[in-house]
Amino acid sequence: MVDSAERRRKVAAKQILDSMTEKGLTRAQLADLMGRSRSEATKWLSGSHNFTLDLLSELSQVLGRPITGVEEGAYSAAVC
């Protein structure tokens, strides 16, 4: 069974990969744009990296779309 934290990490990794695909970026190019190592970018895409809010914000800026680790439509009116 996948716990909610693990699920969020996998969702964030998918959001990053989808954004990279849309922009035609490779892992190496993303790492270079972010001033990070390629091995770090590999960890982000693994689905097991525990993202900080600062890193999610930085990724969102570089990729031009929100990287949240939350699936679209997952928030309910009660949570907001």
PDB file of N, CA and C in Angstrom:
ATOM      1  N   MET A   1       0.835  -1.175   0.000  1.00  0.00           N
ATOM      2  CA  MET A   1       0.000   0.000   0.000  1.00  0.00           C
ATOM      3  C   MET A   1       0.888   1.250   0.000  1.00  0.00           C
ATOM      4  N   VAL A   2       0.542   2.238  -0.802  1.00  0.00           N
ATOM      5  CA  VAL A   2       1.312   3.466  -0.925  1.00  0.00           C
ATOM      6  C   VAL A   2       0.759   4.486   0.061  1.00  0.00           C
ATOM      7  N   ASP A   3       1.638   5.022   0.942  1.00  0.00           N
ATOM      8  CA  ASP A   3       1.149   6.030   1.884  1.00  0.00           C
ATOM      9  C   ASP A   3       1.004   7.377   1.176  1.00  0.00           C
ATOM     10  N   SER A   4       0.343   8.312   1.831  1.00  0.00           N
ATOM     11  CA  SER A   4       0.036   9.584   1.185  1.00  0.00           C
ATOM     12  C   SER A   4       1.295  10.391   0.877  1.00  0.00           C
ATOM     13  N   ALA A   5       2.318  10.340   1.730  1.00  0.00           N
ATOM     14  CA  ALA A   5       3.557  11.073   1.460  1.00  0.00           C
ATOM     15  C   ALA A   5       4.259  10.498   0.233  1.00  0.00           C
ATOM     16  N   GLU A   6       4.295   9.186   0.141  1.00  0.00           N
ATOM     17  CA  GLU A   6       4.916   8.541  -1.028  1.00  0.00           C
ATOM     18  C   GLU A   6       4.133   8.885  -2.293  1.00  0.00           C
ATOM     19  N   ARG A   7       2.825   8.892  -2.183  1.00  0.00           N
ATOM     20  CA  ARG A   7       1.972   9.231  -3.330  1.00  0.00           C
ATOM     21  C   ARG A   7       2.245  10.658  -3.799  1.00  0.00           C
ATOM     22  N   ARG A   8       2.375  11.594  -2.860  1.00  0.00           N
ATOM     23  CA  ARG A   8       2.648  12.990  -3.224  1.00  0.00           C
ATOM     24  C   ARG A   8       4.002  13.127  -3.916  1.00  0.00           C
ATOM     25  N   ARG A   9       4.996  12.372  -3.440  1.00  0.00           N
ATOM     26  CA  ARG A   9       6.313  12.419  -4.091  1.00  0.00           C
ATOM     27  C   ARG A   9       6.225  11.918  -5.527  1.00  0.00           C
ATOM     28  N   LYS A  10       5.467  10.860  -5.742  1.00  0.00           N
ATOM     29  CA  LYS A  10       5.297  10.313  -7.095  1.00  0.00           C
ATOM     30  C   LYS A  10       4.536  11.289  -7.996  1.00  0.00           C
ATOM     31  N   VAL A  11       3.525  11.954  -7.441  1.00  0.00           N
ATOM     32  CA  VAL A  11       2.763  12.946  -8.209  1.00  0.00           C
ATOM     33  C   VAL A  11       3.673  14.110  -8.592  1.00  0.00           C
ATOM     34  N   ALA A  12       4.495  14.589  -7.656  1.00  0.00           N
ATOM     35  CA  ALA A  12       5.422  15.686  -7.960  1.00  0.00           C
ATOM     36  C   ALA A  12       6.395  15.282  -9.064  1.00  0.00           C
ATOM     37  N   ALA A  13       6.930  14.073  -8.981  1.00  0.00           N
ATOM     38  CA  ALA A  13       7.854  13.590 -10.011  1.00  0.00           C
ATOM     39  C   ALA A  13       7.173  13.547 -11.372  1.00  0.00           C
ATOM     40  N   LYS A  14       5.923  13.101 -11.402  1.00  0.00           N
ATOM     41  CA  LYS A  14       5.180  13.050 -12.667  1.00  0.00           C
ATOM     42  C   LYS A  14       4.914  14.461 -13.203  1.00  0.00           C
ATOM     43  N   GLN A  15       4.594  15.394 -12.309  1.00  0.00           N
ATOM     44  CA  GLN A  15       4.373  16.775 -12.733  1.00  0.00           C
ATOM     45  C   GLN A  15       5.645  17.363 -13.342  1.00  0.00           C
ATOM     46  N   ILE A  16       6.777  17.067 -12.738  1.00  0.00           N
ATOM     47  CA  ILE A  16       8.060  17.547 -13.269  1.00  0.00           C
ATOM     48  C   ILE A  16       8.318  16.929 -14.635  1.00  0.00           C
ATOM     49  N   LEU A  17       8.166  15.621 -14.737  1.00  0.00           N
ATOM     50  CA  LEU A  17       8.416  14.937 -15.998  1.00  0.00           C
ATOM     51  C   LEU A  17       7.478  15.418 -17.094  1.00  0.00           C
ATOM     52  N   ASP A  18       6.204  15.590 -16.779  1.00  0.00           N
ATOM     53  CA  ASP A  18       5.248  16.092 -17.771  1.00  0.00           C
ATOM     54  C   ASP A  18       5.637  17.488 -18.247  1.00  0.00           C
ATOM     55  N   SER A  19       6.062  18.338 -17.318  1.00  0.00           N
ATOM     56  CA  SER A  19       6.478  19.700 -17.675  1.00  0.00           C
ATOM     57  C   SER A  19       7.731  19.674 -18.538  1.00  0.00           C
ATOM     58  N   MET A  20       8.667  18.800 -18.186  1.00  0.00           N
ATOM     59  CA  MET A  20       9.891  18.673 -18.984  1.00  0.00           C
ATOM     60  C   MET A  20       9.559  18.223 -20.405  1.00  0.00           C
ATOM     61  N   THR A  21       8.652  17.259 -20.512  1.00  0.00           N
ATOM     62  CA  THR A  21       8.256  16.755 -21.826  1.00  0.00           C
ATOM     63  C   THR A  21       7.622  17.863 -22.652  1.00  0.00           C
ATOM     64  N   GLU A  22       6.729  18.633 -22.034  1.00  0.00           N
ATOM     65  CA  GLU A  22       6.067  19.747 -22.735  1.00  0.00           C
ATOM     66  C   GLU A  22       7.077  20.768 -23.243  1.00  0.00           C
ATOM     67  N   LYS A  23       8.125  21.005 -22.469  1.00  0.00           N
ATOM     68  CA  LYS A  23       9.126  22.001 -22.836  1.00  0.00           C
ATOM     69  C   LYS A  23      10.280  21.405 -23.643  1.00  0.00           C
ATOM     70  N   GLY A  24      10.292  20.084 -23.793  1.00  0.00           N
ATOM     71  CA  GLY A  24      11.368  19.432 -24.532  1.00  0.00           C
ATOM     72  C   GLY A  24      12.690  19.444 -23.793  1.00  0.00           C
ATOM     73  N   LEU A  25      12.628  19.420 -22.462  1.00  0.00           N
ATOM     74  CA  LEU A  25      13.846  19.453 -21.652  1.00  0.00           C
ATOM     75  C   LEU A  25      14.308  18.055 -21.276  1.00  0.00           C
ATOM     76  N   THR A  26      15.603  17.878 -21.269  1.00  0.00           N
ATOM     77  CA  THR A  26      16.198  16.647 -20.750  1.00  0.00           C
ATOM     78  C   THR A  26      16.479  16.838 -19.259  1.00  0.00           C
ATOM     79  N   ARG A  27      16.785  15.766 -18.586  1.00  0.00           N
ATOM     80  CA  ARG A  27      17.167  15.821 -17.173  1.00  0.00           C
ATOM     81  C   ARG A  27      18.387  16.722 -17.000  1.00  0.00           C
ATOM     82  N   ALA A  28      19.355  16.586 -17.890  1.00  0.00           N
ATOM     83  CA  ALA A  28      20.572  17.395 -17.818  1.00  0.00           C
ATOM     84  C   ALA A  28      20.260  18.879 -18.005  1.00  0.00           C
ATOM     85  N   GLN A  29      19.379  19.198 -18.925  1.00  0.00           N
ATOM     86  CA  GLN A  29      19.017  20.595 -19.157  1.00  0.00           C
ATOM     87  C   GLN A  29      18.287  21.190 -17.952  1.00  0.00           C
ATOM     88  N   LEU A  30      17.391  20.405 -17.347  1.00  0.00           N
ATOM     89  CA  LEU A  30      16.689  20.882 -16.161  1.00  0.00           C
ATOM     90  C   LEU A  30      17.690  21.152 -15.047  1.00  0.00           C
ATOM     91  N   ALA A  31      18.599  20.233 -14.821  1.00  0.00           N
ATOM     92  CA  ALA A  31      19.609  20.413 -13.776  1.00  0.00           C
ATOM     93  C   ALA A  31      20.422  21.678 -14.034  1.00  0.00           C
ATOM     94  N   ASP A  32      20.815  21.892 -15.280  1.00  0.00           N
ATOM     95  CA  ASP A  32      21.596  23.083 -15.624  1.00  0.00           C
ATOM     96  C   ASP A  32      20.795  24.361 -15.388  1.00  0.00           C
ATOM     97  N   LEU A  33      19.527  24.373 -15.782  1.00  0.00           N
ATOM     98  CA  LEU A  33      18.668  25.543 -15.575  1.00  0.00           C
ATOM     99  C   LEU A  33      18.517  25.879 -14.093  1.00  0.00           C
ATOM    100  N   MET A  34      18.536  24.848 -13.264  1.00  0.00           N
ATOM    101  CA  MET A  34      18.337  25.036 -11.833  1.00  0.00           C
ATOM    102  C   MET A  34      19.655  25.219 -11.081  1.00  0.00           C
ATOM    103  N   GLY A  35      20.774  25.057 -11.783  1.00  0.00           N
ATOM    104  CA  GLY A  35      22.071  25.174 -11.127  1.00  0.00           C
ATOM    105  C   GLY A  35      22.328  24.029 -10.156  1.00  0.00           C
ATOM    106  N   ARG A  36      21.784  22.879 -10.490  1.00  0.00           N
ATOM    107  CA  ARG A  36      21.916  21.687  -9.632  1.00  0.00           C
ATOM    108  C   ARG A  36      22.606  20.585 -10.416  1.00  0.00           C
ATOM    109  N   SER A  37      22.971  19.527  -9.716  1.00  0.00           N
ATOM    110  CA  SER A  37      23.643  18.408 -10.373  1.00  0.00           C
ATOM    111  C   SER A  37      22.622  17.522 -11.096  1.00  0.00           C
ATOM    112  N   ARG A  38      23.123  16.802 -12.056  1.00  0.00           N
ATOM    113  CA  ARG A  38      22.263  15.876 -12.802  1.00  0.00           C
ATOM    114  C   ARG A  38      21.772  14.752 -11.907  1.00  0.00           C
ATOM    115  N   SER A  39      22.595  14.338 -10.968  1.00  0.00           N
ATOM    116  CA  SER A  39      22.167  13.269 -10.055  1.00  0.00           C
ATOM    117  C   SER A  39      21.023  13.747  -9.168  1.00  0.00           C
ATOM    118  N   GLU A  40      21.029  15.024  -8.821  1.00  0.00           N
ATOM    119  CA  GLU A  40      19.929  15.571  -8.027  1.00  0.00           C
ATOM    120  C   GLU A  40      18.632  15.554  -8.838  1.00  0.00           C
ATOM    121  N   ALA A  41      18.721  15.943 -10.101  1.00  0.00           N
ATOM    122  CA  ALA A  41      17.543  15.913 -10.968  1.00  0.00           C
ATOM    123  C   ALA A  41      17.019  14.487 -11.124  1.00  0.00           C
ATOM    124  N   THR A  42      17.912  13.532 -11.184  1.00  0.00           N
ATOM    125  CA  THR A  42      17.506  12.126 -11.268  1.00  0.00           C
ATOM    126  C   THR A  42      16.712  11.738 -10.028  1.00  0.00           C
ATOM    127  N   LYS A  43      17.138  12.187  -8.857  1.00  0.00           N
ATOM    128  CA  LYS A  43      16.411  11.903  -7.613  1.00  0.00           C
ATOM    129  C   LYS A  43      15.010  12.498  -7.653  1.00  0.00           C
ATOM    130  N   TRP A  44      14.869  13.728  -8.193  1.00  0.00           N
ATOM    131  CA  TRP A  44      13.548  14.351  -8.274  1.00  0.00           C
ATOM    132  C   TRP A  44      12.604  13.504  -9.112  1.00  0.00           C
ATOM    133  N   LEU A  45      13.128  12.941 -10.177  1.00  0.00           N
ATOM    134  CA  LEU A  45      12.296  12.171 -11.108  1.00  0.00           C
ATOM    135  C   LEU A  45      12.057  10.733 -10.650  1.00  0.00           C
ATOM    136  N   SER A  46      12.734  10.315  -9.591  1.00  0.00           N
ATOM    137  CA  SER A  46      12.607   8.939  -9.121  1.00  0.00           C
ATOM    138  C   SER A  46      11.274   8.672  -8.432  1.00  0.00           C
ATOM    139  N   GLY A  47      10.652   9.735  -7.932  1.00  0.00           N
ATOM    140  CA  GLY A  47       9.403   9.554  -7.200  1.00  0.00           C
ATOM    141  C   GLY A  47       9.617   9.247  -5.737  1.00  0.00           C
ATOM    142  N   SER A  48      10.862   9.298  -5.283  1.00  0.00           N
ATOM    143  CA  SER A  48      11.130   9.010  -3.876  1.00  0.00           C
ATOM    144  C   SER A  48      11.765  10.200  -3.150  1.00  0.00           C
ATOM    145  N   HIS A  49      12.043  11.279  -3.869  1.00  0.00           N
ATOM    146  CA  HIS A  49      12.672  12.459  -3.265  1.00  0.00           C
ATOM    147  C   HIS A  49      11.668  13.195  -2.382  1.00  0.00           C
ATOM    148  N   ASN A  50      12.095  13.559  -1.175  1.00  0.00           N
ATOM    149  CA  ASN A  50      11.250  14.307  -0.250  1.00  0.00           C
ATOM    150  C   ASN A  50      11.464  15.800  -0.525  1.00  0.00           C
ATOM    151  N   PHE A  51      10.583  16.401  -1.312  1.00  0.00           N
ATOM    152  CA  PHE A  51      10.722  17.774  -1.760  1.00  0.00           C
ATOM    153  C   PHE A  51      10.490  18.780  -0.629  1.00  0.00           C
ATOM    154  N   THR A  52      11.275  19.858  -0.633  1.00  0.00           N
ATOM    155  CA  THR A  52      10.998  20.984   0.245  1.00  0.00           C
ATOM    156  C   THR A  52      10.077  21.949  -0.503  1.00  0.00           C
ATOM    157  N   LEU A  53       9.424  22.814   0.233  1.00  0.00           N
ATOM    158  CA  LEU A  53       8.583  23.825  -0.412  1.00  0.00           C
ATOM    159  C   LEU A  53       9.420  24.752  -1.282  1.00  0.00           C
ATOM    160  N   ASP A  54      10.621  25.072  -0.831  1.00  0.00           N
ATOM    161  CA  ASP A  54      11.501  25.938  -1.624  1.00  0.00           C
ATOM    162  C   ASP A  54      11.854  25.290  -2.959  1.00  0.00           C
ATOM    163  N   LEU A  55      12.153  23.999  -2.943  1.00  0.00           N
ATOM    164  CA  LEU A  55      12.497  23.311  -4.183  1.00  0.00           C
ATOM    165  C   LEU A  55      11.283  23.233  -5.110  1.00  0.00           C
ATOM    166  N   LEU A  56      10.111  22.930  -4.564  1.00  0.00           N
ATOM    167  CA  LEU A  56       8.906  22.890  -5.398  1.00  0.00           C
ATOM    168  C   LEU A  56       8.644  24.257  -6.031  1.00  0.00           C
ATOM    169  N   SER A  57       8.873  25.321  -5.273  1.00  0.00           N
ATOM    170  CA  SER A  57       8.693  26.671  -5.796  1.00  0.00           C
ATOM    171  C   SER A  57       9.691  26.967  -6.912  1.00  0.00           C
ATOM    172  N   GLU A  58      10.931  26.592  -6.699  1.00  0.00           N
ATOM    173  CA  GLU A  58      11.972  26.805  -7.711  1.00  0.00           C
ATOM    174  C   GLU A  58      11.673  26.016  -8.985  1.00  0.00           C
ATOM    175  N   LEU A  59      11.273  24.762  -8.827  1.00  0.00           N
ATOM    176  CA  LEU A  59      10.910  23.944  -9.986  1.00  0.00           C
ATOM    177  C   LEU A  59       9.733  24.564 -10.734  1.00  0.00           C
ATOM    178  N   SER A  60       8.752  25.058  -9.996  1.00  0.00           N
ATOM    179  CA  SER A  60       7.579  25.687 -10.609  1.00  0.00           C
ATOM    180  C   SER A  60       7.981  26.888 -11.447  1.00  0.00           C
ATOM    181  N   GLN A  61       8.890  27.699 -10.919  1.00  0.00           N
ATOM    182  CA  GLN A  61       9.347  28.879 -11.656  1.00  0.00           C
ATOM    183  C   GLN A  61      10.081  28.490 -12.928  1.00  0.00           C
ATOM    184  N   VAL A  62      10.992  27.544 -12.812  1.00  0.00           N
ATOM    185  CA  VAL A  62      11.794  27.131 -13.972  1.00  0.00           C
ATOM    186  C   VAL A  62      10.922  26.457 -15.033  1.00  0.00           C
ATOM    187  N   LEU A  63       9.959  25.644 -14.590  1.00  0.00           N
ATOM    188  CA  LEU A  63       9.133  24.890 -15.535  1.00  0.00           C
ATOM    189  C   LEU A  63       7.893  25.653 -15.992  1.00  0.00           C
ATOM    190  N   GLY A  64       7.583  26.755 -15.334  1.00  0.00           N
ATOM    191  CA  GLY A  64       6.473  27.591 -15.770  1.00  0.00           C
ATOM    192  C   GLY A  64       5.097  27.031 -15.472  1.00  0.00           C
ATOM    193  N   ARG A  65       5.013  26.145 -14.485  1.00  0.00           N
ATOM    194  CA  ARG A  65       3.717  25.630 -14.056  1.00  0.00           C
ATOM    195  C   ARG A  65       3.848  25.105 -12.629  1.00  0.00           C
ATOM    196  N   PRO A  66       2.741  25.042 -11.906  1.00  0.00           N
ATOM    197  CA  PRO A  66       2.824  24.592 -10.516  1.00  0.00           C
ATOM    198  C   PRO A  66       3.283  23.138 -10.391  1.00  0.00           C
ATOM    199  N   ILE A  67       4.252  22.937  -9.539  1.00  0.00           N
ATOM    200  CA  ILE A  67       4.695  21.591  -9.152  1.00  0.00           C
ATOM    201  C   ILE A  67       4.341  21.480  -7.670  1.00  0.00           C
ATOM    202  N   THR A  68       3.308  20.716  -7.380  1.00  0.00           N
ATOM    203  CA  THR A  68       2.757  20.717  -6.025  1.00  0.00           C
ATOM    204  C   THR A  68       2.811  19.370  -5.326  1.00  0.00           C
ATOM    205  N   GLY A  69       2.839  18.302  -6.081  1.00  0.00           N
ATOM    206  CA  GLY A  69       2.730  16.987  -5.477  1.00  0.00           C
ATOM    207  C   GLY A  69       1.302  16.632  -5.139  1.00  0.00           C
ATOM    208  N   VAL A  70       0.370  17.484  -5.578  1.00  0.00           N
ATOM    209  CA  VAL A  70      -1.053  17.248  -5.341  1.00  0.00           C
ATOM    210  C   VAL A  70      -1.727  17.067  -6.697  1.00  0.00           C
ATOM    211  N   GLU A  71      -2.491  16.000  -6.820  1.00  0.00           N
ATOM    212  CA  GLU A  71      -3.177  15.751  -8.074  1.00  0.00           C
ATOM    213  C   GLU A  71      -4.260  16.793  -8.308  1.00  0.00           C
ATOM    214  N   GLU A  72      -4.432  17.166  -9.561  1.00  0.00           N
ATOM    215  CA  GLU A  72      -5.462  18.136  -9.920  1.00  0.00           C
ATOM    216  C   GLU A  72      -6.828  17.637  -9.439  1.00  0.00           C
ATOM    217  N   GLY A  73      -7.586  18.512  -8.805  1.00  0.00           N
ATOM    218  CA  GLY A  73      -8.904  18.156  -8.315  1.00  0.00           C
ATOM    219  C   GLY A  73      -8.890  17.431  -6.984  1.00  0.00           C
ATOM    220  N   ALA A  74      -7.713  17.289  -6.364  1.00  0.00           N
ATOM    221  CA  ALA A  74      -7.626  16.536  -5.113  1.00  0.00           C
ATOM    222  C   ALA A  74      -8.093  17.341  -3.908  1.00  0.00           C
ATOM    223  N   TYR A  75      -8.109  18.672  -4.035  1.00  0.00           N
ATOM    224  CA  TYR A  75      -8.589  19.488  -2.925  1.00  0.00           C
ATOM    225  C   TYR A  75     -10.095  19.533  -2.914  1.00  0.00           C
ATOM    226  N   SER A  76     -10.656  19.468  -1.748  1.00  0.00           N
ATOM    227  CA  SER A  76     -12.109  19.631  -1.627  1.00  0.00           C
ATOM    228  C   SER A  76     -12.375  21.014  -1.071  1.00  0.00           C
ATOM    229  N   ALA A  77     -13.598  21.459  -1.157  1.00  0.00           N
ATOM    230  CA  ALA A  77     -13.980  22.775  -0.638  1.00  0.00           C
ATOM    231  C   ALA A  77     -13.723  22.863   0.860  1.00  0.00           C
ATOM    232  N   ALA A  78     -13.832  21.746   1.560  1.00  0.00           N
ATOM    233  CA  ALA A  78     -13.621  21.735   3.001  1.00  0.00           C
ATOM    234  C   ALA A  78     -12.167  21.994   3.366  1.00  0.00           C
ATOM    235  N   VAL A  79     -11.228  21.597   2.515  1.00  0.00           N
ATOM    236  CA  VAL A  79      -9.813  21.772   2.799  1.00  0.00           C
ATOM    237  C   VAL A  79      -9.394  23.202   2.530  1.00  0.00           C
ATOM    238  N   CYS A  80      -9.911  23.794   1.489  1.00  0.00           N
ATOM    239  CA  CYS A  80      -9.539  25.164   1.113  1.00  0.00           C
ATOM    240  C   CYS A  80     -10.196  26.097   2.056  1.00  0.00           C
TER     241      CYS A  80
END
